[in-house]
PDB file of N, CA and C in Angstrom:
ATOM      1  N   UNK A   1     155.753 104.535  66.999  1.00  0.00           N
ATOM      2  CA  UNK A   1     154.395 104.088  67.418  1.00  0.00           C
ATOM      3  C   UNK A   1     153.555 104.987  68.023  1.00  0.00           C
ATOM      4  N   UNK A   2     152.301 104.698  67.764  1.00  0.00           N
ATOM      5  CA  UNK A   2     151.445 105.619  68.407  1.00  0.00           C
ATOM      6  C   UNK A   2     151.050 104.978  69.725  1.00  0.00           C
ATOM      7  N   UNK A   3     151.236 106.013  70.904  1.00  0.00           N
ATOM      8  CA  UNK A   3     151.135 105.585  72.153  1.00  0.00           C
ATOM      9  C   UNK A   3     149.476 105.564  72.419  1.00  0.00           C
ATOM     10  N   UNK A   4     148.788 106.664  72.242  1.00  0.00           N
ATOM     11  CA  UNK A   4     147.398 106.788  72.402  1.00  0.00           C
ATOM     12  C   UNK A   4     146.718 107.264  71.160  1.00  0.00           C
ATOM     13  N   UNK A   5     145.528 106.529  71.014  1.00  0.00           N
ATOM     14  CA  UNK A   5     144.495 106.822  70.038  1.00  0.00           C
ATOM     15  C   UNK A   5     143.395 107.536  70.924  1.00  0.00           C
ATOM     16  N   UNK A   6     143.156 108.997  70.649  1.00  0.00           N
ATOM     17  CA  UNK A   6     141.977 109.595  71.221  1.00  0.00           C
ATOM     18  C   UNK A   6     140.975 109.518  70.323  1.00  0.00           C
ATOM     19  N   UNK A   7     139.676 108.917  70.786  1.00  0.00           N
ATOM     20  CA  UNK A   7     138.527 108.947  70.161  1.00  0.00           C
ATOM     21  C   UNK A   7     137.492 109.631  70.731  1.00  0.00           C
ATOM     22  N   UNK A   8     137.211 110.772  70.162  1.00  0.00           N
ATOM     23  CA  UNK A   8     136.060 111.673  70.786  1.00  0.00           C
ATOM     24  C   UNK A   8     135.566 112.564  69.729  1.00  0.00           C
ATOM     25  N   UNK A   9     134.231 112.791  69.645  1.00  0.00           N
ATOM     26  CA  UNK A   9     133.697 113.633  68.590  1.00  0.00           C
ATOM     27  C   UNK A   9     133.778 114.923  68.912  1.00  0.00           C
ATOM     28  N   UNK A  10     134.107 115.457  69.939  1.00  0.00           N
ATOM     29  CA  UNK A  10     134.219 116.876  70.225  1.00  0.00           C
ATOM     30  C   UNK A  10     135.721 117.304  69.876  1.00  0.00           C
ATOM     31  N   UNK A  11     135.619 118.143  68.911  1.00  0.00           N
ATOM     32  CA  UNK A  11     137.036 118.544  68.151  1.00  0.00           C
ATOM     33  C   UNK A  11     137.914 119.289  69.172  1.00  0.00           C
ATOM     34  N   UNK A  12     137.438 120.259  69.976  1.00  0.00           N
ATOM     35  CA  UNK A  12     138.116 120.906  70.758  1.00  0.00           C
ATOM     36  C   UNK A  12     138.762 120.076  71.870  1.00  0.00           C
ATOM     37  N   UNK A  13     138.026 119.165  72.399  1.00  0.00           N
ATOM     38  CA  UNK A  13     138.611 118.343  73.419  1.00  0.00           C
ATOM     39  C   UNK A  13     139.590 117.465  72.867  1.00  0.00           C
ATOM     40  N   UNK A  14     139.306 116.745  71.803  1.00  0.00           N
ATOM     41  CA  UNK A  14     140.268 116.074  70.984  1.00  0.00           C
ATOM     42  C   UNK A  14     141.609 116.702  70.659  1.00  0.00           C
ATOM     43  N   UNK A  15     141.432 117.771  70.228  1.00  0.00           N
ATOM     44  CA  UNK A  15     142.616 118.564  70.023  1.00  0.00           C
ATOM     45  C   UNK A  15     143.557 118.935  71.033  1.00  0.00           C
ATOM     46  N   UNK A  16     142.839 119.346  72.271  1.00  0.00           N
ATOM     47  CA  UNK A  16     143.326 119.728  73.395  1.00  0.00           C
ATOM     48  C   UNK A  16     144.174 118.526  74.027  1.00  0.00           C
ATOM     49  N   UNK A  17     143.500 117.265  74.164  1.00  0.00           N
ATOM     50  CA  UNK A  17     144.013 116.214  74.647  1.00  0.00           C
ATOM     51  C   UNK A  17     145.403 115.707  73.760  1.00  0.00           C
ATOM     52  N   UNK A  18     145.067 115.928  72.503  1.00  0.00           N
ATOM     53  CA  UNK A  18     146.439 115.584  71.516  1.00  0.00           C
ATOM     54  C   UNK A  18     147.380 116.600  71.897  1.00  0.00           C
ATOM     55  N   UNK A  19     147.371 117.782  72.131  1.00  0.00           N
ATOM     56  CA  UNK A  19     148.438 118.632  72.403  1.00  0.00           C
ATOM     57  C   UNK A  19     149.053 118.371  73.687  1.00  0.00           C
ATOM     58  N   UNK A  20     148.215 118.183  74.758  1.00  0.00           N
ATOM     59  CA  UNK A  20     148.648 117.864  76.192  1.00  0.00           C
ATOM     60  C   UNK A  20     149.338 116.641  76.116  1.00  0.00           C
ATOM     61  N   UNK A  21     148.963 115.698  75.605  1.00  0.00           N
ATOM     62  CA  UNK A  21     149.662 114.224  75.585  1.00  0.00           C
ATOM     63  C   UNK A  21     151.026 114.493  74.962  1.00  0.00           C
ATOM     64  N   UNK A  22     151.066 115.284  73.806  1.00  0.00           N
ATOM     65  CA  UNK A  22     152.352 115.421  73.096  1.00  0.00           C
ATOM     66  C   UNK A  22     153.231 116.158  73.886  1.00  0.00           C
ATOM     67  N   UNK A  23     152.692 116.990  74.812  1.00  0.00           N
ATOM     68  CA  UNK A  23     153.640 117.775  75.627  1.00  0.00           C
ATOM     69  C   UNK A  23     154.153 116.780  76.678  1.00  0.00           C
ATOM     70  N   UNK A  24     153.666 115.824  77.076  1.00  0.00           N
ATOM     71  CA  UNK A  24     153.937 114.822  77.921  1.00  0.00           C
ATOM     72  C   UNK A  24     155.023 113.722  77.287  1.00  0.00           C
ATOM     73  N   UNK A  25     155.095 113.942  76.071  1.00  0.00           N
ATOM     74  CA  UNK A  25     156.096 112.879  75.309  1.00  0.00           C
ATOM     75  C   UNK A  25     155.277 111.685  74.597  1.00  0.00           C
ATOM     76  N   UNK A  26     153.981 111.763  74.561  1.00  0.00           N
ATOM     77  CA  UNK A  26     153.151 110.624  73.845  1.00  0.00           C
ATOM     78  C   UNK A  26     153.167 110.968  72.320  1.00  0.00           C
ATOM     79  N   UNK A  27     153.192 109.802  71.530  1.00  0.00           N
ATOM     80  CA  UNK A  27     152.775 109.975  70.145  1.00  0.00           C
ATOM     81  C   UNK A  27     151.161 109.804  70.224  1.00  0.00           C
ATOM     82  N   UNK A  28     150.565 110.680  69.517  1.00  0.00           N
ATOM     83  CA  UNK A  28     149.049 110.628  69.745  1.00  0.00           C
ATOM     84  C   UNK A  28     148.367 110.754  68.267  1.00  0.00           C
ATOM     85  N   UNK A  29     147.494 109.850  68.092  1.00  0.00           N
ATOM     86  CA  UNK A  29     146.476 109.863  66.829  1.00  0.00           C
ATOM     87  C   UNK A  29     144.959 110.226  67.457  1.00  0.00           C
ATOM     88  N   UNK A  30     144.316 110.650  66.444  1.00  0.00           N
ATOM     89  CA  UNK A  30     142.852 111.150  66.782  1.00  0.00           C
ATOM     90  C   UNK A  30     141.870 110.530  65.803  1.00  0.00           C
ATOM     91  N   UNK A  31     140.749 110.280  66.284  1.00  0.00           N
ATOM     92  CA  UNK A  31     139.554 109.828  65.401  1.00  0.00           C
ATOM     93  C   UNK A  31     138.245 110.283  66.118  1.00  0.00           C
ATOM     94  N   UNK A  32     137.341 110.745  65.148  1.00  0.00           N
ATOM     95  CA  UNK A  32     136.128 111.544  65.489  1.00  0.00           C
ATOM     96  C   UNK A  32     135.060 110.773  66.001  1.00  0.00           C
ATOM     97  N   UNK A  33     135.151 109.316  65.692  1.00  0.00           N
ATOM     98  CA  UNK A  33     134.067 108.480  66.273  1.00  0.00           C
ATOM     99  C   UNK A  33     134.686 106.982  66.038  1.00  0.00           C
ATOM    100  N   UNK A  34     133.943 105.992  66.567  1.00  0.00           N
ATOM    101  CA  UNK A  34     134.341 104.533  66.668  1.00  0.00           C
ATOM    102  C   UNK A  34     134.544 104.238  65.314  1.00  0.00           C
ATOM    103  N   UNK A  35     133.948 104.396  64.506  1.00  0.00           N
ATOM    104  CA  UNK A  35     134.187 103.886  62.960  1.00  0.00           C
ATOM    105  C   UNK A  35     135.374 104.201  62.487  1.00  0.00           C
ATOM    106  N   UNK A  36     135.624 105.619  62.529  1.00  0.00           N
ATOM    107  CA  UNK A  36     137.046 106.259  62.107  1.00  0.00           C
ATOM    108  C   UNK A  36     138.197 105.602  62.743  1.00  0.00           C
ATOM    109  N   UNK A  37     138.077 105.442  64.076  1.00  0.00           N
ATOM    110  CA  UNK A  37     139.052 104.723  65.153  1.00  0.00           C
ATOM    111  C   UNK A  37     139.340 103.354  64.652  1.00  0.00           C
ATOM    112  N   UNK A  38     138.287 102.558  64.282  1.00  0.00           N
ATOM    113  CA  UNK A  38     138.451 101.040  63.920  1.00  0.00           C
ATOM    114  C   UNK A  38     139.212 101.189  62.394  1.00  0.00           C
ATOM    115  N   UNK A  39     138.850 102.003  61.556  1.00  0.00           N
ATOM    116  CA  UNK A  39     139.585 102.194  60.225  1.00  0.00           C
ATOM    117  C   UNK A  39     141.069 102.475  60.479  1.00  0.00           C
ATOM    118  N   UNK A  40     141.353 103.510  61.416  1.00  0.00           N
ATOM    119  CA  UNK A  40     142.543 103.852  61.689  1.00  0.00           C
ATOM    120  C   UNK A  40     143.535 102.656  62.166  1.00  0.00           C
ATOM    121  N   UNK A  41     142.844 101.818  63.323  1.00  0.00           N
ATOM    122  CA  UNK A  41     143.495 100.817  64.006  1.00  0.00           C
ATOM    123  C   UNK A  41     143.847  99.573  62.829  1.00  0.00           C
ATOM    124  N   UNK A  42     142.853  99.326  61.925  1.00  0.00           N
ATOM    125  CA  UNK A  42     143.001  98.455  61.026  1.00  0.00           C
ATOM    126  C   UNK A  42     144.146  98.558  59.936  1.00  0.00           C
ATOM    127  N   UNK A  43     144.518  99.968  59.759  1.00  0.00           N
ATOM    128  CA  UNK A  43     145.558 100.411  58.713  1.00  0.00           C
ATOM    129  C   UNK A  43     146.770 100.917  59.215  1.00  0.00           C
ATOM    130  N   UNK A  44     146.975 100.852  60.569  1.00  0.00           N
ATOM    131  CA  UNK A  44     148.269 101.373  61.318  1.00  0.00           C
ATOM    132  C   UNK A  44     148.570 100.236  62.177  1.00  0.00           C
ATOM    133  N   UNK A  45     149.970 100.541  62.743  1.00  0.00           N
ATOM    134  CA  UNK A  45     150.372  99.610  63.856  1.00  0.00           C
ATOM    135  C   UNK A  45     149.532 100.078  65.090  1.00  0.00           C
ATOM    136  N   UNK A  46     149.324  99.045  65.815  1.00  0.00           N
ATOM    137  CA  UNK A  46     148.325  99.181  66.972  1.00  0.00           C
ATOM    138  C   UNK A  46     148.887 100.206  67.994  1.00  0.00           C
ATOM    139  N   UNK A  47     147.968 101.136  68.566  1.00  0.00           N
ATOM    140  CA  UNK A  47     148.604 102.189  69.490  1.00  0.00           C
ATOM    141  C   UNK A  47     148.599 101.185  70.745  1.00  0.00           C
ATOM    142  N   UNK A  48     149.250 101.881  71.878  1.00  0.00           N
ATOM    143  CA  UNK A  48     149.361 101.150  72.995  1.00  0.00           C
ATOM    144  C   UNK A  48     148.105 101.347  74.024  1.00  0.00           C
ATOM    145  N   UNK A  49     147.169 102.235  73.582  1.00  0.00           N
ATOM    146  CA  UNK A  49     146.108 102.572  74.330  1.00  0.00           C
ATOM    147  C   UNK A  49     145.081 103.379  73.631  1.00  0.00           C
ATOM    148  N   UNK A  50     143.730 103.102  73.790  1.00  0.00           N
ATOM    149  CA  UNK A  50     142.697 103.816  73.253  1.00  0.00           C
ATOM    150  C   UNK A  50     141.994 104.690  74.334  1.00  0.00           C
ATOM    151  N   UNK A  51     141.860 106.033  74.094  1.00  0.00           N
ATOM    152  CA  UNK A  51     141.062 106.751  75.114  1.00  0.00           C
ATOM    153  C   UNK A  51     139.867 106.979  74.362  1.00  0.00           C
ATOM    154  N   UNK A  52     138.717 106.433  74.907  1.00  0.00           N
ATOM    155  CA  UNK A  52     137.445 106.264  74.129  1.00  0.00           C
ATOM    156  C   UNK A  52     136.275 107.087  74.849  1.00  0.00           C
ATOM    157  N   UNK A  53     135.706 108.088  73.968  1.00  0.00           N
ATOM    158  CA  UNK A  53     134.586 108.583  74.465  1.00  0.00           C
ATOM    159  C   UNK A  53     133.387 107.669  74.492  1.00  0.00           C
ATOM    160  N   UNK A  54     132.325 107.836  75.305  1.00  0.00           N
ATOM    161  CA  UNK A  54     131.228 106.985  75.379  1.00  0.00           C
ATOM    162  C   UNK A  54     130.274 107.339  74.272  1.00  0.00           C
ATOM    163  N   UNK A  55     129.915 108.662  74.339  1.00  0.00           N
ATOM    164  CA  UNK A  55     128.707 109.060  73.562  1.00  0.00           C
ATOM    165  C   UNK A  55     129.231 109.964  72.199  1.00  0.00           C
ATOM    166  N   UNK A  56     129.071 109.253  70.968  1.00  0.00           N
ATOM    167  CA  UNK A  56     129.591 109.721  69.707  1.00  0.00           C
ATOM    168  C   UNK A  56     128.385 109.391  68.793  1.00  0.00           C
ATOM    169  N   UNK A  57     128.434 110.166  67.703  1.00  0.00           N
ATOM    170  CA  UNK A  57     127.406 109.850  66.620  1.00  0.00           C
ATOM    171  C   UNK A  57     128.272 108.797  65.746  1.00  0.00           C
ATOM    172  N   UNK A  58     127.433 108.149  64.739  1.00  0.00           N
ATOM    173  CA  UNK A  58     127.953 107.415  63.747  1.00  0.00           C
ATOM    174  C   UNK A  58     128.353 105.945  64.484  1.00  0.00           C
ATOM    175  N   UNK A  59     129.309 105.912  65.354  1.00  0.00           N
ATOM    176  CA  UNK A  59     129.722 104.639  66.085  1.00  0.00           C
ATOM    177  C   UNK A  59     130.054 104.935  67.571  1.00  0.00           C
ATOM    178  N   UNK A  60     129.302 104.864  68.445  1.00  0.00           N
ATOM    179  CA  UNK A  60     129.566 105.118  69.855  1.00  0.00           C
ATOM    180  C   UNK A  60     130.772 104.225  70.565  1.00  0.00           C
ATOM    181  N   UNK A  61     130.873 104.581  71.768  1.00  0.00           N
ATOM    182  CA  UNK A  61     132.002 103.649  72.463  1.00  0.00           C
ATOM    183  C   UNK A  61     131.529 102.384  72.725  1.00  0.00           C
ATOM    184  N   UNK A  62     130.211 101.979  72.860  1.00  0.00           N
ATOM    185  CA  UNK A  62     129.886 100.749  73.014  1.00  0.00           C
ATOM    186  C   UNK A  62     129.919  99.885  71.725  1.00  0.00           C
ATOM    187  N   UNK A  63     129.794 100.496  70.592  1.00  0.00           N
ATOM    188  CA  UNK A  63     129.843  99.828  69.238  1.00  0.00           C
ATOM    189  C   UNK A  63     131.209  99.589  68.843  1.00  0.00           C
ATOM    190  N   UNK A  64     132.097 100.743  69.078  1.00  0.00           N
ATOM    191  CA  UNK A  64     133.365 100.497  68.722  1.00  0.00           C
ATOM    192  C   UNK A  64     133.901  99.318  69.732  1.00  0.00           C
ATOM    193  N   UNK A  65     133.781  99.361  70.920  1.00  0.00           N
ATOM    194  CA  UNK A  65     134.233  98.257  71.837  1.00  0.00           C
ATOM    195  C   UNK A  65     133.782  96.757  71.402  1.00  0.00           C
ATOM    196  N   UNK A  66     132.575  96.676  71.086  1.00  0.00           N
ATOM    197  CA  UNK A  66     132.090  95.439  70.583  1.00  0.00           C
ATOM    198  C   UNK A  66     133.005  95.106  69.190  1.00  0.00           C
ATOM    199  N   UNK A  67     132.988  95.834  68.263  1.00  0.00           N
ATOM    200  CA  UNK A  67     133.673  95.479  67.156  1.00  0.00           C
ATOM    201  C   UNK A  67     135.384  95.397  67.344  1.00  0.00           C
ATOM    202  N   UNK A  68     135.834  96.044  68.174  1.00  0.00           N
ATOM    203  CA  UNK A  68     137.119  95.734  68.744  1.00  0.00           C
ATOM    204  C   UNK A  68     137.323  94.487  69.178  1.00  0.00           C
ATOM    205  N   UNK A  69     136.545  93.926  70.043  1.00  0.00           N
ATOM    206  CA  UNK A  69     136.887  92.796  70.897  1.00  0.00           C
ATOM    207  C   UNK A  69     136.387  91.500  69.832  1.00  0.00           C
ATOM    208  N   UNK A  70     135.772  91.884  68.724  1.00  0.00           N
ATOM    209  CA  UNK A  70     135.389  90.738  67.916  1.00  0.00           C
ATOM    210  C   UNK A  70     136.454  90.541  66.936  1.00  0.00           C
ATOM    211  N   UNK A  71     137.310  91.682  66.916  1.00  0.00           N
ATOM    212  CA  UNK A  71     138.687  91.464  65.855  1.00  0.00           C
ATOM    213  C   UNK A  71     140.014  91.015  66.767  1.00  0.00           C
ATOM    214  N   UNK A  72     140.348  89.828  66.562  1.00  0.00           N
ATOM    215  CA  UNK A  72     141.499  89.252  67.390  1.00  0.00           C
ATOM    216  C   UNK A  72     142.805  90.311  67.333  1.00  0.00           C
ATOM    217  N   UNK A  73     143.133  90.968  66.357  1.00  0.00           N
ATOM    218  CA  UNK A  73     144.145  91.807  66.297  1.00  0.00           C
ATOM    219  C   UNK A  73     144.097  93.129  67.016  1.00  0.00           C
ATOM    220  N   UNK A  74     142.859  93.490  66.995  1.00  0.00           N
ATOM    221  CA  UNK A  74     142.547  94.898  67.935  1.00  0.00           C
ATOM    222  C   UNK A  74     142.104  94.619  69.270  1.00  0.00           C
ATOM    223  N   UNK A  75     141.715  93.347  69.744  1.00  0.00           N
ATOM    224  CA  UNK A  75     141.284  93.250  71.029  1.00  0.00           C
ATOM    225  C   UNK A  75     142.187  93.314  72.249  1.00  0.00           C
ATOM    226  N   UNK A  76     143.430  93.208  71.984  1.00  0.00           N
ATOM    227  CA  UNK A  76     144.500  93.373  72.944  1.00  0.00           C
ATOM    228  C   UNK A  76     144.882  94.722  73.302  1.00  0.00           C
ATOM    229  N   UNK A  77     144.258  95.728  72.694  1.00  0.00           N
ATOM    230  CA  UNK A  77     144.727  97.133  72.934  1.00  0.00           C
ATOM    231  C   UNK A  77     143.769  97.559  74.013  1.00  0.00           C
ATOM    232  N   UNK A  78     144.446  98.000  75.138  1.00  0.00           N
ATOM    233  CA  UNK A  78     143.512  98.460  76.315  1.00  0.00           C
ATOM    234  C   UNK A  78     142.640  99.804  76.000  1.00  0.00           C
ATOM    235  N   UNK A  79     141.741  99.877  76.681  1.00  0.00           N
ATOM    236  CA  UNK A  79     140.773 100.948  76.466  1.00  0.00           C
ATOM    237  C   UNK A  79     140.458 101.659  77.744  1.00  0.00           C
ATOM    238  N   UNK A  80     140.556 102.804  77.815  1.00  0.00           N
ATOM    239  CA  UNK A  80     140.085 103.720  78.859  1.00  0.00           C
ATOM    240  C   UNK A  80     139.009 104.577  78.273  1.00  0.00           C
ATOM    241  N   UNK A  81     137.947 104.531  79.118  1.00  0.00           N
ATOM    242  CA  UNK A  81     136.631 105.145  78.797  1.00  0.00           C
ATOM    243  C   UNK A  81     136.747 106.590  79.339  1.00  0.00           C
ATOM    244  N   UNK A  82     136.331 107.430  78.520  1.00  0.00           N
ATOM    245  CA  UNK A  82     136.558 108.969  78.642  1.00  0.00           C
ATOM    246  C   UNK A  82     134.969 109.390  78.777  1.00  0.00           C
ATOM    247  N   UNK A  83     134.379 109.817  79.927  1.00  0.00           N
ATOM    248  CA  UNK A  83     133.004 110.041  79.995  1.00  0.00           C
ATOM    249  C   UNK A  83     132.636 110.996  81.075  1.00  0.00           C
ATOM    250  N   UNK A  84     131.586 111.789  80.772  1.00  0.00           N
ATOM    251  CA  UNK A  84     130.938 112.750  81.949  1.00  0.00           C
ATOM    252  C   UNK A  84     129.753 112.051  82.696  1.00  0.00           C
ATOM    253  N   UNK A  85     129.427 110.846  82.177  1.00  0.00           N
ATOM    254  CA  UNK A  85     128.209 110.193  82.648  1.00  0.00           C
ATOM    255  C   UNK A  85     128.400 109.765  83.913  1.00  0.00           C
ATOM    256  N   UNK A  86     127.558 110.046  84.946  1.00  0.00           N
ATOM    257  CA  UNK A  86     127.775 109.575  86.357  1.00  0.00           C
ATOM    258  C   UNK A  86     127.644 108.044  86.544  1.00  0.00           C
ATOM    259  N   UNK A  87     127.461 107.228  85.478  1.00  0.00           N
ATOM    260  CA  UNK A  87     127.406 105.780  85.543  1.00  0.00           C
ATOM    261  C   UNK A  87     128.665 105.251  85.130  1.00  0.00           C
ATOM    262  N   UNK A  88     129.722 105.923  85.221  1.00  0.00           N
ATOM    263  CA  UNK A  88     131.061 105.649  84.317  1.00  0.00           C
ATOM    264  C   UNK A  88     131.457 104.371  84.999  1.00  0.00           C
ATOM    265  N   UNK A  89     131.381 103.860  86.102  1.00  0.00           N
ATOM    266  CA  UNK A  89     131.853 102.468  86.728  1.00  0.00           C
ATOM    267  C   UNK A  89     131.068 101.390  86.082  1.00  0.00           C
ATOM    268  N   UNK A  90     129.770 101.653  85.998  1.00  0.00           N
ATOM    269  CA  UNK A  90     128.892 100.540  85.455  1.00  0.00           C
ATOM    270  C   UNK A  90     129.127 100.552  83.842  1.00  0.00           C
ATOM    271  N   UNK A  91     129.488 101.610  83.273  1.00  0.00           N
ATOM    272  CA  UNK A  91     129.825 101.560  81.692  1.00  0.00           C
ATOM    273  C   UNK A  91     131.185 100.897  81.469  1.00  0.00           C
ATOM    274  N   UNK A  92     132.046 101.235  82.439  1.00  0.00           N
ATOM    275  CA  UNK A  92     133.338 100.905  82.254  1.00  0.00           C
ATOM    276  C   UNK A  92     133.351  99.085  82.279  1.00  0.00           C
ATOM    277  N   UNK A  93     132.539  98.677  83.124  1.00  0.00           N
ATOM    278  CA  UNK A  93     132.391  97.186  83.330  1.00  0.00           C
ATOM    279  C   UNK A  93     131.650  96.652  82.217  1.00  0.00           C
ATOM    280  N   UNK A  94     130.625  97.286  81.690  1.00  0.00           N
ATOM    281  CA  UNK A  94     129.601  97.063  80.614  1.00  0.00           C
ATOM    282  C   UNK A  94     130.659  96.753  79.300  1.00  0.00           C
ATOM    283  N   UNK A  95     131.653  97.530  79.186  1.00  0.00           N
ATOM    284  CA  UNK A  95     132.462  97.655  77.959  1.00  0.00           C
ATOM    285  C   UNK A  95     133.725  96.826  78.068  1.00  0.00           C
ATOM    286  N   UNK A  96     133.746  96.255  79.235  1.00  0.00           N
ATOM    287  CA  UNK A  96     135.131  95.495  79.717  1.00  0.00           C
ATOM    288  C   UNK A  96     136.331  96.484  79.412  1.00  0.00           C
ATOM    289  N   UNK A  97     136.225  97.538  79.716  1.00  0.00           N
ATOM    290  CA  UNK A  97     137.180  98.794  79.527  1.00  0.00           C
ATOM    291  C   UNK A  97     138.083  98.474  80.962  1.00  0.00           C
ATOM    292  N   UNK A  98     139.501  98.825  80.475  1.00  0.00           N
ATOM    293  CA  UNK A  98     140.553  98.781  81.586  1.00  0.00           C
ATOM    294  C   UNK A  98     140.408  99.703  82.624  1.00  0.00           C
ATOM    295  N   UNK A  99     139.916 100.868  82.344  1.00  0.00           N
ATOM    296  CA  UNK A  99     139.773 101.912  83.319  1.00  0.00           C
ATOM    297  C   UNK A  99     139.024 102.997  82.785  1.00  0.00           C
ATOM    298  N   UNK A 100     138.697 104.051  83.582  1.00  0.00           N
ATOM    299  CA  UNK A 100     137.900 105.278  83.004  1.00  0.00           C
ATOM    300  C   UNK A 100     138.587 106.548  83.462  1.00  0.00           C
ATOM    301  N   UNK A 101     138.229 107.845  83.004  1.00  0.00           N
ATOM    302  CA  UNK A 101     138.676 109.106  83.179  1.00  0.00           C
ATOM    303  C   UNK A 101     137.577 109.803  83.152  1.00  0.00           C
ATOM    304  N   UNK A 102     137.213 110.575  84.194  1.00  0.00           N
ATOM    305  CA  UNK A 102     135.953 111.296  84.186  1.00  0.00           C
ATOM    306  C   UNK A 102     136.132 112.620  83.692  1.00  0.00           C
ATOM    307  N   UNK A 103     134.955 113.008  82.660  1.00  0.00           N
ATOM    308  CA  UNK A 103     135.078 114.383  82.095  1.00  0.00           C
ATOM    309  C   UNK A 103     134.384 115.398  83.233  1.00  0.00           C
ATOM    310  N   UNK A 104     134.919 116.681  83.481  1.00  0.00           N
ATOM    311  CA  UNK A 104     136.132 117.194  82.882  1.00  0.00           C
ATOM    312  C   UNK A 104     137.373 116.524  83.302  1.00  0.00           C
ATOM    313  N   UNK A 105     138.208 116.343  82.537  1.00  0.00           N
ATOM    314  CA  UNK A 105     139.551 115.547  82.736  1.00  0.00           C
ATOM    315  C   UNK A 105     140.328 116.290  83.670  1.00  0.00           C
ATOM    316  N   UNK A 106     140.933 115.464  84.580  1.00  0.00           N
ATOM    317  CA  UNK A 106     141.935 115.958  85.536  1.00  0.00           C
ATOM    318  C   UNK A 106     143.288 115.551  85.056  1.00  0.00           C
ATOM    319  N   UNK A 107     144.206 116.444  84.598  1.00  0.00           N
ATOM    320  CA  UNK A 107     145.386 115.969  83.910  1.00  0.00           C
ATOM    321  C   UNK A 107     146.153 115.016  84.644  1.00  0.00           C
ATOM    322  N   UNK A 108     146.450 115.158  86.012  1.00  0.00           N
ATOM    323  CA  UNK A 108     147.180 114.101  86.681  1.00  0.00           C
ATOM    324  C   UNK A 108     146.529 112.578  86.562  1.00  0.00           C
ATOM    325  N   UNK A 109     145.292 112.741  86.751  1.00  0.00           N
ATOM    326  CA  UNK A 109     144.478 111.385  86.741  1.00  0.00           C
ATOM    327  C   UNK A 109     144.687 110.823  85.211  1.00  0.00           C
ATOM    328  N   UNK A 110     144.445 111.561  84.195  1.00  0.00           N
ATOM    329  CA  UNK A 110     144.665 111.012  82.765  1.00  0.00           C
ATOM    330  C   UNK A 110     146.114 110.444  82.746  1.00  0.00           C
ATOM    331  N   UNK A 111     147.098 111.275  82.908  1.00  0.00           N
ATOM    332  CA  UNK A 111     148.491 110.816  82.732  1.00  0.00           C
ATOM    333  C   UNK A 111     148.653 109.571  83.588  1.00  0.00           C
ATOM    334  N   UNK A 112     148.304 109.433  84.691  1.00  0.00           N
ATOM    335  CA  UNK A 112     148.516 108.292  85.634  1.00  0.00           C
ATOM    336  C   UNK A 112     147.848 106.993  84.922  1.00  0.00           C
ATOM    337  N   UNK A 113     146.490 107.273  84.440  1.00  0.00           N
ATOM    338  CA  UNK A 113     145.782 106.180  83.946  1.00  0.00           C
ATOM    339  C   UNK A 113     146.478 105.765  82.499  1.00  0.00           C
ATOM    340  N   UNK A 114     146.928 106.656  81.932  1.00  0.00           N
ATOM    341  CA  UNK A 114     147.487 106.054  80.753  1.00  0.00           C
ATOM    342  C   UNK A 114     148.910 105.284  80.997  1.00  0.00           C
ATOM    343  N   UNK A 115     149.605 105.803  81.874  1.00  0.00           N
ATOM    344  CA  UNK A 115     150.875 105.177  82.174  1.00  0.00           C
ATOM    345  C   UNK A 115     150.553 103.620  82.833  1.00  0.00           C
ATOM    346  N   UNK A 116     149.536 103.542  83.586  1.00  0.00           N
ATOM    347  CA  UNK A 116     149.181 102.205  84.268  1.00  0.00           C
ATOM    348  C   UNK A 116     148.575 101.458  83.190  1.00  0.00           C
ATOM    349  N   UNK A 117     147.908 101.765  82.312  1.00  0.00           N
ATOM    350  CA  UNK A 117     147.198 100.824  81.291  1.00  0.00           C
ATOM    351  C   UNK A 117     147.682 100.738  79.941  1.00  0.00           C
ATOM    352  N   UNK A 118     148.674 101.377  79.557  1.00  0.00           N
ATOM    353  CA  UNK A 118     149.193 101.296  78.108  1.00  0.00           C
ATOM    354  C   UNK A 118     149.865  99.784  78.121  1.00  0.00           C
ATOM    355  N   UNK A 119     149.617  99.185  76.944  1.00  0.00           N
ATOM    356  CA  UNK A 119     150.257  97.892  76.679  1.00  0.00           C
ATOM    357  C   UNK A 119     151.543  98.253  76.273  1.00  0.00           C
ATOM    358  N   UNK A 120     152.607  97.313  76.444  1.00  0.00           N
ATOM    359  CA  UNK A 120     153.857  97.199  76.087  1.00  0.00           C
ATOM    360  C   UNK A 120     154.069  97.220  74.575  1.00  0.00           C
ATOM    361  N   UNK A 121     155.091  97.684  74.001  1.00  0.00           N
ATOM    362  CA  UNK A 121     155.259  97.762  72.557  1.00  0.00           C
ATOM    363  C   UNK A 121     155.373  96.354  72.060  1.00  0.00           C
TER     364      UNK A 121
END
């Protein structure tokens, strides 16, 4: 089972997060935007958590979250917003996300947030 689906258009950040999370024992899948993430979620066993970038081309964080919440099967997956935006608390509430992690990412904060918000298998 995939623990974390990392959704971010920045390849370097996505790749780095994937490697770091694997080092902590997490199974990780990645997607380059919200549309790719939705397609992945619809064709696989659901992840325990989605780590979601706010600003992405094609399908941004808000569009992903709206589609996710509209799909009963996907709606139960917790979402942690990943953003450098200074209005991160406001955006987290607007998306009805479970939490946020500020970019640049602090490793301890990221791991603690994932542990606290991942859904049970």
